[in-house]
Protein backbone atom coordinates (compact mmCIF):
# COMPACT_ATOMS: atom_id res chain seq x y z
CA UNK A 1 55.66 -141.47 -41.53
CA UNK A 2 59.66 -140.47 -42.05
CA UNK A 3 61.84 -139.62 -44.60
CA UNK A 4 64.65 -141.78 -45.54
CA UNK A 5 66.57 -139.05 -44.85
CA UNK A 6 66.53 -139.93 -41.81
CA UNK A 7 69.38 -142.13 -40.92
CA UNK A 8 68.20 -145.74 -40.31
CA UNK A 9 69.27 -147.26 -36.79
CA UNK A 10 71.49 -150.49 -37.41
CA UNK A 11 69.20 -153.39 -37.26
CA UNK A 12 71.21 -156.41 -39.41
CA UNK A 13 73.88 -158.20 -37.83
CA UNK A 14 76.71 -159.99 -39.28
CA UNK A 15 74.65 -163.45 -39.28
CA UNK A 16 70.91 -161.72 -40.64
CA UNK A 17 73.28 -160.35 -43.55
CA UNK A 18 74.58 -164.05 -44.12
CA UNK A 19 70.72 -165.34 -43.88
CA UNK A 20 69.95 -162.91 -46.52
CA UNK A 21 71.97 -163.84 -48.72
CA UNK A 22 71.77 -167.88 -48.34
CA UNK A 23 67.83 -167.13 -48.44
CA UNK A 24 68.08 -165.13 -51.78
CA UNK A 25 71.11 -167.38 -53.84
CA UNK A 26 69.56 -170.92 -52.58
CA UNK A 27 66.78 -170.96 -54.22
CA UNK A 28 65.43 -173.97 -56.54
CA UNK A 29 67.98 -174.05 -58.89
CA UNK A 30 69.75 -176.48 -56.35
CA UNK A 31 67.41 -179.10 -56.91
CA UNK A 32 67.10 -179.01 -60.47
CA UNK A 33 69.96 -178.06 -62.60
CA UNK A 34 72.33 -180.49 -61.54
CA UNK A 35 71.60 -183.65 -63.73
CA UNK A 36 71.92 -181.14 -66.82
CA UNK A 37 75.22 -179.63 -65.39
CA UNK A 38 76.68 -183.13 -65.04
CA UNK A 39 75.13 -184.11 -68.52
CA UNK A 40 76.75 -181.19 -70.08
CA UNK A 41 79.94 -181.31 -68.66
CA UNK A 42 80.41 -185.40 -69.54
CA UNK A 43 81.90 -186.31 -66.42
CA UNK A 44 81.66 -186.13 -62.59
CA UNK A 45 85.06 -184.29 -61.88
CA UNK A 46 84.03 -182.09 -64.84
CA UNK A 47 81.05 -181.34 -63.40
CA UNK A 48 82.24 -180.81 -59.93
CA UNK A 49 84.86 -178.44 -61.68
CA UNK A 50 82.32 -176.43 -63.43
CA UNK A 51 80.39 -175.91 -60.03
CA UNK A 52 83.72 -174.85 -58.24
CA UNK A 53 84.55 -172.10 -60.99
CA UNK A 54 80.94 -171.27 -60.89
CA UNK A 55 81.79 -170.00 -57.40
CA UNK A 56 85.05 -168.78 -57.57
CA UNK A 57 83.72 -166.37 -60.59
CA UNK A 58 80.71 -165.47 -58.41
CA UNK A 59 83.50 -164.56 -55.18
CA UNK A 60 84.79 -162.34 -57.71
CA UNK A 61 81.99 -160.98 -58.17
CA UNK A 62 81.18 -160.37 -54.63
CA UNK A 63 84.68 -159.25 -54.12
CA UNK A 64 83.90 -156.13 -56.14
CA UNK A 65 80.54 -155.17 -55.06
CA UNK A 66 82.46 -155.71 -51.38
CA UNK A 67 84.04 -152.43 -52.45
CA UNK A 68 81.80 -150.43 -54.25
CA UNK A 69 79.52 -151.14 -50.68
CA UNK A 70 81.64 -150.28 -48.30
CA UNK A 71 82.63 -146.97 -50.59
CA UNK A 72 78.86 -145.64 -51.15
CA UNK A 73 77.02 -147.43 -48.00
CA UNK A 74 73.73 -146.27 -49.05
CA UNK A 75 70.82 -147.82 -50.30
CA UNK A 76 70.49 -148.71 -54.15
CA UNK A 77 73.31 -151.06 -54.56
CA UNK A 78 73.44 -150.98 -58.67
CA UNK A 79 71.00 -148.18 -59.10
CA UNK A 80 74.01 -145.84 -56.98
CA UNK A 81 77.35 -147.68 -58.49
CA UNK A 82 75.78 -147.42 -61.90
CA UNK A 83 74.77 -143.73 -61.46
CA UNK A 84 77.93 -143.05 -59.19
CA UNK A 85 80.29 -144.56 -62.72
CA UNK A 86 78.49 -143.93 -65.79
CA UNK A 87 75.35 -140.78 -64.93
CA UNK A 88 71.80 -140.64 -63.80
CA UNK A 89 70.71 -142.19 -66.62
CA UNK A 90 72.05 -145.33 -66.93
CA UNK A 91 71.28 -145.74 -63.09
CA UNK A 92 67.59 -145.03 -63.34
CA UNK A 93 67.08 -147.12 -66.34
CA UNK A 94 68.57 -150.24 -64.34
CA UNK A 95 65.87 -149.48 -61.72
CA UNK A 96 63.35 -149.26 -63.81
CA UNK A 97 64.00 -152.71 -65.57
CA UNK A 98 64.60 -154.44 -62.23
CA UNK A 99 61.06 -152.96 -61.00
CA UNK A 100 59.23 -153.57 -63.86
CA UNK A 101 60.42 -156.80 -65.55
CA UNK A 102 63.37 -158.24 -63.39
CA UNK A 103 63.50 -158.09 -60.08
CA UNK A 104 59.29 -159.12 -60.15
CA UNK A 105 60.10 -161.72 -62.89
CA UNK A 106 62.39 -163.44 -60.49
CA UNK A 107 59.54 -163.34 -57.81
CA UNK A 108 57.29 -164.55 -60.52
CA UNK A 109 59.49 -167.47 -61.35
CA UNK A 110 59.66 -168.49 -57.52
CA UNK A 111 56.25 -168.38 -56.39
CA UNK A 112 55.34 -170.65 -59.54
CA UNK A 113 57.99 -172.99 -58.60
CA UNK A 114 56.13 -172.94 -54.65
CA UNK A 115 52.47 -173.06 -56.07
CA UNK A 116 53.95 -176.31 -58.59
CA UNK A 117 55.47 -177.98 -55.91
CA UNK A 118 52.68 -177.19 -53.54
CA UNK A 119 49.86 -178.92 -56.02
CA UNK A 120 52.65 -181.63 -56.26
CA UNK A 121 52.32 -182.38 -52.14
CA UNK A 122 48.18 -181.86 -52.18
CA UNK A 123 46.66 -182.69 -55.38
CA UNK A 124 43.50 -181.15 -55.07
CA UNK A 125 44.76 -178.02 -55.10
CA UNK A 126 46.77 -177.72 -58.47
CA UNK A 127 44.19 -176.19 -60.22
CA UNK A 128 44.65 -172.79 -57.92
CA UNK A 129 48.23 -172.80 -58.73
CA UNK A 130 47.56 -168.77 -59.44
CA UNK A 131 46.04 -168.50 -56.32
CA UNK A 132 49.00 -170.39 -54.50
CA UNK A 133 51.47 -167.58 -56.20
CA UNK A 134 49.77 -164.76 -55.31
CA UNK A 135 49.70 -165.73 -51.79
CA UNK A 136 53.58 -167.02 -51.75
CA UNK A 137 54.36 -163.62 -52.68
CA UNK A 138 51.54 -161.71 -50.14
CA UNK A 139 52.49 -163.94 -47.21
CA UNK A 140 56.23 -162.73 -47.20
CA UNK A 141 54.71 -159.78 -47.93
CA UNK A 142 52.81 -159.53 -44.72
CA UNK A 143 56.23 -160.08 -42.95
CA UNK A 144 57.77 -156.69 -44.14
CA UNK A 145 54.77 -155.46 -43.28
CA UNK A 146 54.98 -156.28 -40.08
CA UNK A 147 58.68 -154.37 -39.59
CA UNK A 148 61.89 -155.34 -40.02
CA UNK A 149 62.25 -157.09 -37.14
CA UNK A 150 60.30 -159.54 -38.29
CA UNK A 151 60.93 -159.57 -41.99
CA UNK A 152 64.34 -160.58 -40.86
CA UNK A 153 63.04 -163.19 -38.43
CA UNK A 154 61.55 -164.70 -40.81
CA UNK A 155 64.57 -164.59 -42.99
CA UNK A 156 66.48 -166.60 -40.37
CA UNK A 157 63.93 -168.92 -39.23
CA UNK A 158 63.37 -169.68 -43.57
CA UNK A 159 66.76 -170.25 -43.84
CA UNK A 160 67.39 -172.29 -40.97
CA UNK A 161 64.26 -174.65 -42.50
CA UNK A 162 66.33 -174.57 -45.75
CA UNK A 163 70.22 -175.26 -44.68
CA UNK A 164 68.52 -178.18 -42.60
CA UNK A 165 65.97 -179.81 -45.43
CA UNK A 166 69.83 -179.50 -47.24
CA UNK A 167 71.97 -181.11 -44.16
CA UNK A 168 69.12 -184.27 -44.82
CA UNK A 169 70.79 -184.30 -48.80
CA UNK A 170 74.60 -184.31 -47.04
CA UNK A 171 73.71 -186.74 -44.68
CA UNK A 172 72.10 -189.28 -46.81
CA UNK A 173 75.31 -188.98 -49.04
CA UNK A 174 77.35 -190.06 -45.95
CA UNK A 175 75.18 -193.09 -44.56
CA UNK A 176 74.41 -194.53 -48.17
CA UNK A 177 76.15 -197.80 -49.28
CA UNK A 178 76.36 -197.87 -52.70
CA UNK A 179 74.58 -200.61 -54.57
CA UNK A 180 74.81 -201.01 -58.81
CA UNK A 181 71.53 -199.97 -60.41
CA UNK A 182 71.87 -201.15 -63.79
CA UNK A 183 71.33 -198.70 -66.60
CA UNK A 184 68.47 -200.42 -68.58
CA UNK A 185 66.64 -199.86 -65.47
CA UNK A 186 67.23 -195.95 -65.25
CA UNK A 187 64.72 -193.30 -67.11
CA UNK A 188 66.19 -191.99 -70.43
CA UNK A 189 68.14 -188.70 -69.78
CA UNK A 190 66.46 -185.75 -71.15
CA UNK A 191 68.93 -183.55 -71.18
CA UNK A 192 71.51 -185.44 -74.27
CA UNK A 193 71.77 -181.32 -75.97
CA UNK A 194 73.59 -179.51 -72.92
CA UNK A 195 76.70 -179.10 -73.76
CA UNK A 196 79.84 -177.89 -71.00
CA UNK A 197 79.51 -173.79 -72.01
CA UNK A 198 75.19 -174.48 -71.10
CA UNK A 199 75.60 -176.41 -68.12
CA UNK A 200 78.70 -172.98 -67.10
CA UNK A 201 75.43 -170.72 -67.57
CA UNK A 202 73.14 -173.05 -65.47
CA UNK A 203 76.16 -173.65 -62.73
CA UNK A 204 76.06 -169.46 -62.87
CA UNK A 205 72.22 -169.12 -62.88
CA UNK A 206 72.06 -171.26 -59.55
CA UNK A 207 74.69 -168.58 -57.74
CA UNK A 208 72.80 -165.63 -58.75
CA UNK A 209 71.11 -163.20 -56.81
CA UNK A 210 73.71 -162.22 -54.28
CA UNK A 211 73.94 -158.76 -55.89
CA UNK A 212 70.54 -158.18 -54.41
CA UNK A 213 72.28 -158.29 -50.50
CA UNK A 214 74.15 -154.62 -51.68
CA UNK A 215 70.74 -153.05 -51.33
CA UNK A 216 70.18 -153.01 -47.84
CA UNK A 217 73.83 -151.47 -47.07
CA UNK A 218 72.92 -149.02 -45.07
CA UNK A 219 70.79 -151.29 -42.35
CA UNK A 220 73.53 -153.48 -41.76
CA UNK A 221 75.64 -152.88 -38.49
CA UNK A 222 78.96 -151.30 -38.97
CA UNK A 223 78.21 -151.87 -42.80
CA UNK A 224 81.62 -150.94 -44.52
CA UNK A 225 83.41 -153.63 -42.55
CA UNK A 226 80.07 -155.86 -42.34
CA UNK A 227 79.28 -155.92 -46.10
CA UNK A 228 82.16 -157.03 -47.75
CA UNK A 229 82.94 -159.99 -45.04
CA UNK A 230 79.05 -161.39 -45.35
CA UNK A 231 79.22 -161.31 -49.34
CA UNK A 232 82.87 -163.08 -49.47
CA UNK A 233 81.63 -166.23 -46.27
CA UNK A 234 78.29 -166.29 -48.01
CA UNK A 235 79.74 -166.75 -51.61
CA UNK A 236 82.50 -169.02 -50.44
CA UNK A 237 80.06 -170.98 -47.98
CA UNK A 238 77.51 -171.47 -50.33
CA UNK A 239 80.35 -172.63 -53.07
CA UNK A 240 81.24 -175.47 -50.72
CA UNK A 241 78.07 -176.63 -49.83
CA UNK A 242 76.76 -176.38 -53.46
CA UNK A 243 79.76 -178.97 -54.25
CA UNK A 244 79.15 -180.96 -51.33
CA UNK A 245 75.99 -181.70 -52.15
CA UNK A 246 75.89 -182.21 -55.98
CA UNK A 247 78.72 -184.99 -54.38
CA UNK A 248 76.21 -186.79 -52.25
CA UNK A 249 73.90 -186.45 -55.57
CA UNK A 250 76.86 -188.60 -57.41
CA UNK A 251 77.49 -191.00 -54.70
CA UNK A 252 74.02 -192.07 -54.52
CA UNK A 253 72.44 -191.98 -57.60
CA UNK A 254 75.62 -192.19 -59.51
CA UNK A 255 76.71 -190.47 -62.73
CA UNK A 256 73.88 -191.95 -64.75
CA UNK A 257 71.34 -192.18 -62.37
CA UNK A 258 71.93 -188.40 -61.61
CA UNK A 259 71.57 -187.19 -65.40
CA UNK A 260 68.44 -189.36 -65.70
CA UNK A 261 66.97 -187.83 -62.37
CA UNK A 262 64.50 -185.15 -62.66
CA UNK A 263 64.26 -184.22 -59.12
CA UNK A 264 67.75 -185.52 -57.41
CA UNK A 265 67.15 -184.57 -54.31
CA UNK A 266 63.94 -186.81 -53.84
CA UNK A 267 65.66 -189.61 -55.87
CA UNK A 268 68.26 -189.13 -52.89
CA UNK A 269 66.27 -189.34 -49.89
CA UNK A 270 64.46 -191.69 -51.53
CA UNK A 271 67.53 -194.50 -52.33
CA UNK A 272 68.90 -193.82 -49.11
CA UNK A 273 65.85 -194.29 -46.59
CA UNK A 274 63.25 -196.26 -49.04
CA UNK A 275 60.97 -193.81 -48.76
CA UNK A 276 58.29 -191.93 -50.53
CA UNK A 277 60.19 -188.55 -51.42
CA UNK A 278 57.32 -186.59 -53.44
CA UNK A 279 56.03 -184.88 -50.01
CA UNK A 280 60.04 -184.20 -49.22
CA UNK A 281 60.98 -182.55 -52.50
CA UNK A 282 57.77 -180.05 -52.49
CA UNK A 283 58.70 -179.37 -48.75
CA UNK A 284 62.15 -178.58 -49.63
CA UNK A 285 61.62 -176.60 -53.07
CA UNK A 286 58.30 -174.79 -51.21
CA UNK A 287 60.80 -173.11 -48.49
CA UNK A 288 63.41 -172.64 -50.67
CA UNK A 289 60.91 -170.60 -52.91
CA UNK A 290 59.66 -168.34 -49.79
CA UNK A 291 63.05 -167.97 -48.17
CA UNK A 292 63.95 -166.68 -51.98
CA UNK A 293 60.92 -164.39 -52.11
CA UNK A 294 61.18 -163.43 -49.05
CA UNK A 295 64.86 -162.19 -49.42
CA UNK A 296 64.29 -160.28 -52.78
CA UNK A 297 60.88 -158.39 -51.81
CA UNK A 298 63.31 -157.20 -48.57
CA UNK A 299 66.20 -156.26 -50.53
CA UNK A 300 64.16 -154.91 -53.70
CA UNK A 301 61.96 -152.63 -51.62
CA UNK A 302 65.37 -150.86 -50.68
CA UNK A 303 66.15 -150.00 -54.30
CA UNK A 304 62.48 -148.17 -55.02
CA UNK A 305 63.59 -145.86 -51.51
CA UNK A 306 66.96 -145.25 -53.35
CA UNK A 307 64.98 -144.09 -57.15
CA UNK A 308 62.42 -142.33 -54.73
CA UNK A 309 65.29 -140.34 -52.93
CA UNK A 310 66.88 -139.44 -55.70
CA UNK A 311 63.36 -138.52 -57.86
CA UNK A 312 60.62 -136.10 -56.53
CA UNK A 313 58.24 -137.81 -59.12
CA UNK A 314 58.60 -141.11 -56.60
CA UNK A 315 59.08 -139.18 -53.40
CA UNK A 316 56.48 -141.22 -51.98
CA UNK A 317 58.78 -144.16 -51.63
CA UNK A 318 61.07 -142.75 -49.16
CA UNK A 319 58.69 -143.23 -46.40
CA UNK A 320 59.14 -145.57 -43.84
CA UNK A 321 56.79 -146.49 -41.18
CA UNK A 322 57.13 -146.63 -37.16
CA UNK A 323 58.27 -150.76 -37.64
CA UNK A 324 61.17 -149.71 -40.34
CA UNK A 325 59.48 -150.66 -43.44
CA UNK A 326 59.63 -148.64 -46.32
CA UNK A 327 55.97 -149.08 -46.83
CA UNK A 328 54.76 -147.13 -50.07
CA UNK A 329 57.91 -148.67 -51.76
CA UNK A 330 56.90 -152.16 -50.35
CA UNK A 331 53.16 -151.38 -51.69
CA UNK A 332 54.64 -150.95 -55.03
CA UNK A 333 56.64 -153.65 -55.49
CA UNK A 334 54.31 -155.99 -54.08
CA UNK A 335 51.53 -154.45 -56.60
CA UNK A 336 53.75 -154.82 -59.47
CA UNK A 337 54.83 -158.82 -58.55
CA UNK A 338 51.20 -159.47 -58.14
CA UNK A 339 50.46 -157.85 -61.58
CA UNK A 340 52.62 -159.90 -63.56
CA UNK A 341 51.30 -162.95 -61.75
CA UNK A 342 48.05 -162.02 -63.38
CA UNK A 343 49.81 -161.30 -66.99
CA UNK A 344 52.32 -163.24 -67.40
CA UNK A 345 51.50 -166.64 -65.06
CA UNK A 346 48.06 -166.99 -66.78
CA UNK A 347 46.64 -167.90 -70.02
CA UNK A 348 44.46 -164.88 -70.57
CA UNK A 349 47.50 -162.69 -69.13
CA UNK A 350 49.59 -164.32 -71.91
CA UNK A 351 46.88 -163.67 -74.97
CA UNK A 352 46.71 -160.24 -73.32
CA UNK A 353 50.35 -159.50 -73.90
CA UNK A 354 50.17 -161.49 -76.93
CA UNK A 355 47.45 -158.87 -78.84
CA UNK A 356 49.03 -156.13 -77.12
CA UNK A 357 52.62 -156.74 -78.73
CA UNK A 358 50.33 -157.55 -82.21
CA UNK A 359 48.91 -154.16 -82.30
CA UNK A 360 52.26 -152.50 -81.92
CA UNK A 361 53.61 -154.62 -84.64
CA UNK A 362 56.13 -156.23 -82.61
CA UNK A 363 57.01 -160.05 -82.06
CA UNK A 364 54.76 -162.26 -79.67
CA UNK A 365 56.64 -164.94 -78.07
CA UNK A 366 55.97 -168.50 -78.07
CA UNK A 367 55.23 -169.17 -74.61
CA UNK A 368 55.79 -173.02 -74.54
CA UNK A 369 59.28 -173.36 -76.07
CA UNK A 370 60.95 -171.51 -72.83
CA UNK A 371 58.63 -173.54 -70.46
CA UNK A 372 55.96 -171.43 -69.87
CA UNK A 373 55.43 -167.32 -68.88
CA UNK A 374 57.66 -166.46 -66.19
CA UNK A 375 60.42 -169.11 -67.66
CA UNK A 376 60.12 -166.95 -70.88
CA UNK A 377 60.47 -163.58 -69.07
CA UNK A 378 63.59 -164.69 -67.59
CA UNK A 379 65.15 -166.00 -70.98
CA UNK A 380 63.98 -162.07 -72.19
CA UNK A 381 65.40 -159.94 -69.47
CA UNK A 382 68.46 -162.29 -68.88
CA UNK A 383 70.68 -160.27 -71.40
CA UNK A 384 69.56 -157.09 -70.16
CA UNK A 385 70.67 -158.47 -66.71
CA UNK A 386 73.71 -159.27 -67.23
CA UNK A 387 74.80 -156.03 -69.31
CA UNK A 388 73.93 -154.29 -65.93
CA UNK A 389 76.34 -156.50 -63.96
CA UNK A 390 78.75 -155.94 -66.11
CA UNK A 391 78.48 -152.79 -65.99
CA UNK A 392 78.57 -152.81 -62.17
CA UNK A 393 82.16 -154.48 -62.85
CA UNK A 394 83.35 -152.12 -65.15
CA UNK A 395 82.13 -149.28 -62.34
CA UNK A 396 84.62 -150.62 -59.49
CA UNK A 397 87.26 -150.02 -62.52
CA UNK A 398 85.74 -146.70 -63.57
CA UNK A 399 85.66 -145.32 -59.86
CA UNK A 400 89.57 -145.76 -59.49
CA UNK A 401 90.22 -144.12 -61.92
CA UNK A 402 87.80 -140.61 -62.04
CA UNK A 403 87.31 -140.55 -57.69
CA UNK A 404 90.40 -142.30 -56.47
CA UNK A 405 90.50 -139.88 -53.87
CA UNK A 406 87.36 -141.38 -51.69
CA UNK A 407 88.02 -143.87 -48.49
CA UNK A 408 88.10 -147.23 -49.88
CA UNK A 409 87.76 -149.08 -46.43
CA UNK A 410 87.99 -152.67 -48.44
CA UNK A 411 89.61 -152.81 -51.59
CA UNK A 412 89.10 -155.66 -54.34
CA UNK A 413 92.19 -158.01 -53.93
CA UNK A 414 94.54 -158.22 -57.03
CA UNK A 415 92.90 -155.12 -58.57
CA UNK A 416 92.47 -154.90 -61.67
CA UNK A 417 92.91 -159.13 -62.30
CA UNK A 418 89.12 -159.75 -60.07
CA UNK A 419 87.39 -156.86 -61.57
CA UNK A 420 88.70 -158.36 -65.14
CA UNK A 421 87.74 -162.02 -63.77
CA UNK A 422 84.25 -160.37 -63.35
CA UNK A 423 83.42 -158.78 -65.86
CA UNK A 424 84.78 -160.92 -68.67
CA UNK A 425 82.35 -163.81 -66.81
CA UNK A 426 79.15 -161.62 -67.36
CA UNK A 427 80.00 -160.72 -71.25
CA UNK A 428 80.50 -164.38 -71.55
CA UNK A 429 76.71 -164.56 -69.95
CA UNK A 430 75.52 -161.45 -71.79
CA UNK A 431 76.74 -163.81 -74.89
CA UNK A 432 75.00 -166.65 -73.68
CA UNK A 433 71.79 -165.45 -73.45
CA UNK A 434 71.63 -163.30 -75.97
CA UNK A 435 72.25 -166.51 -78.17
CA UNK A 436 69.52 -168.51 -75.61
CA UNK A 437 66.62 -165.83 -75.87
CA UNK A 438 67.75 -164.67 -79.98
CA UNK A 439 64.26 -162.26 -81.17
CA UNK A 440 62.82 -162.93 -76.97
CA UNK A 441 64.78 -159.89 -76.53
CA UNK A 442 62.52 -157.93 -78.57
CA UNK A 443 59.92 -158.42 -75.53
CA UNK A 444 61.80 -156.15 -73.84
CA UNK A 445 62.19 -153.25 -76.20
CA UNK A 446 59.14 -151.36 -74.93
CA UNK A 447 59.86 -151.38 -71.39
CA UNK A 448 63.40 -150.21 -72.33
CA UNK A 449 62.25 -147.50 -73.97
CA UNK A 450 59.80 -146.08 -71.50
CA UNK A 451 62.56 -146.26 -68.82
CA UNK A 452 65.26 -144.11 -71.20
CA UNK A 453 62.24 -141.46 -71.92
CA UNK A 454 61.41 -141.32 -68.41
CA UNK A 455 65.42 -140.55 -67.32
CA UNK A 456 65.29 -137.97 -69.88
CA UNK A 457 62.11 -136.66 -68.82
CA UNK A 458 62.33 -136.20 -65.41
CA UNK A 459 65.44 -135.23 -65.14
CA UNK A 460 65.17 -131.99 -67.99
CA UNK A 461 61.31 -131.70 -66.92
CA UNK A 462 60.19 -128.14 -66.36
CA UNK A 463 58.81 -128.90 -63.62
CA UNK A 464 61.66 -128.38 -61.48
CA UNK A 465 62.54 -132.03 -60.39
CA UNK A 466 65.62 -132.05 -61.82
CA UNK A 467 66.90 -129.44 -59.33
CA UNK A 468 66.52 -131.84 -56.30
CA UNK A 469 68.92 -133.78 -54.41
CA UNK A 470 69.86 -136.73 -56.39
CA UNK A 471 71.69 -140.07 -54.92
CA UNK A 472 74.26 -139.49 -57.86
CA UNK A 473 75.03 -136.14 -56.23
CA UNK A 474 75.38 -137.04 -52.16
CA UNK A 475 78.28 -138.01 -50.66
CA UNK A 476 79.42 -141.49 -49.42
CA UNK A 477 77.13 -141.80 -46.12
CA UNK A 478 78.97 -142.84 -43.03
CA UNK A 479 78.82 -146.07 -41.40
CA UNK A 480 75.32 -146.91 -40.47
CA UNK A 481 76.80 -147.94 -37.18
CA UNK A 482 77.38 -144.66 -36.35
CA UNK A 483 73.85 -143.39 -36.59
CA UNK A 484 71.96 -142.46 -33.34
């Protein structure tokens, strides 16, 4: 194996990068949250406006990341940007939280979405949800072990299949001949508690995940030009797709039908073609979940490479296999994700978590209140995620002031308005997630404390680890298309 300091040859094209963005962002939310968004907005035009606004705010963030990625084309994304802008300790705590709960929690959510819909399609395997969730993580992990070429091929195939399934919904929206359905024949709405503000939160979550793509920047061909373009075109295309899908939903189902639907994509297919659509919906969601898991594993292990390069204690994460895979970094990410499935995704695991927290004298969560295990975990980690997202937006402004001499191949348009809009939207999401999670945030206290302690211990430990090269001290890398 070789170290990450040996330049990795360019492997990801513009199309590969777009596929990765599409695969990570378009998960299961677009199949589930539109009814709640329409119910909260109070009308069709208002709902479409919220989806458009969410896309524009995501684009503001993508433009900010485009400048940062072009300025620092290294592995790590936010870890690197936060280290550069606010110091190594902030960067390490971010990476620690991503590795232990945030990224692995998101992978867990997608794995159980896969398991749930597999059980709906084949009821006889429904009782094996834990094994199905583990398999949904292990299979994409196996693709990654086979190498970068196999991993990106799998991502492209999954993204193409996902795009085809969404195209079916759009075709239904065009083909459908509207007919009146009495409101009394529709099921009762279960989302009457939604508000416009909460609908906006749901929309921004549906656009989430695009920032993970910046973690693979060095492996993108001509990364200083390609990454900003991919982020811009990727988010722009997803925004258009989301708006068209919502128009198709409301055209086929009507406003009243949509807000009462629990599976709008399946209902659209069923009403247009008059077929049983349960298996169609299951296939769509399972495909989307696998694509998102594959993308998060692909990008996430590159974050561990960045940490390993900066911290000798984790130097093994910088070792690459001959097939261009950060082998031990991927093993670590897979291991933590599978442990999370066991601990958070099973009743016995959650009982164990409760016992540990009670022993420490800390708050124990009501797992059922927020859905189930991973939904509770995501709610608890959301304030931390949006807090770091806010700092990433601020890093654009901080680095403009503190490092004006650095080359910036891509500049954020309308600076400083664009970063300020991104920061404001992230602050709003931070406040909303705190208001939603409330005392759940206490669950993250032990992880934060451990991360902060490690950030200080690793830097000041007497074994000399602080003398090693650090990402925050490395010069900006050359564009990866210049690598031999």
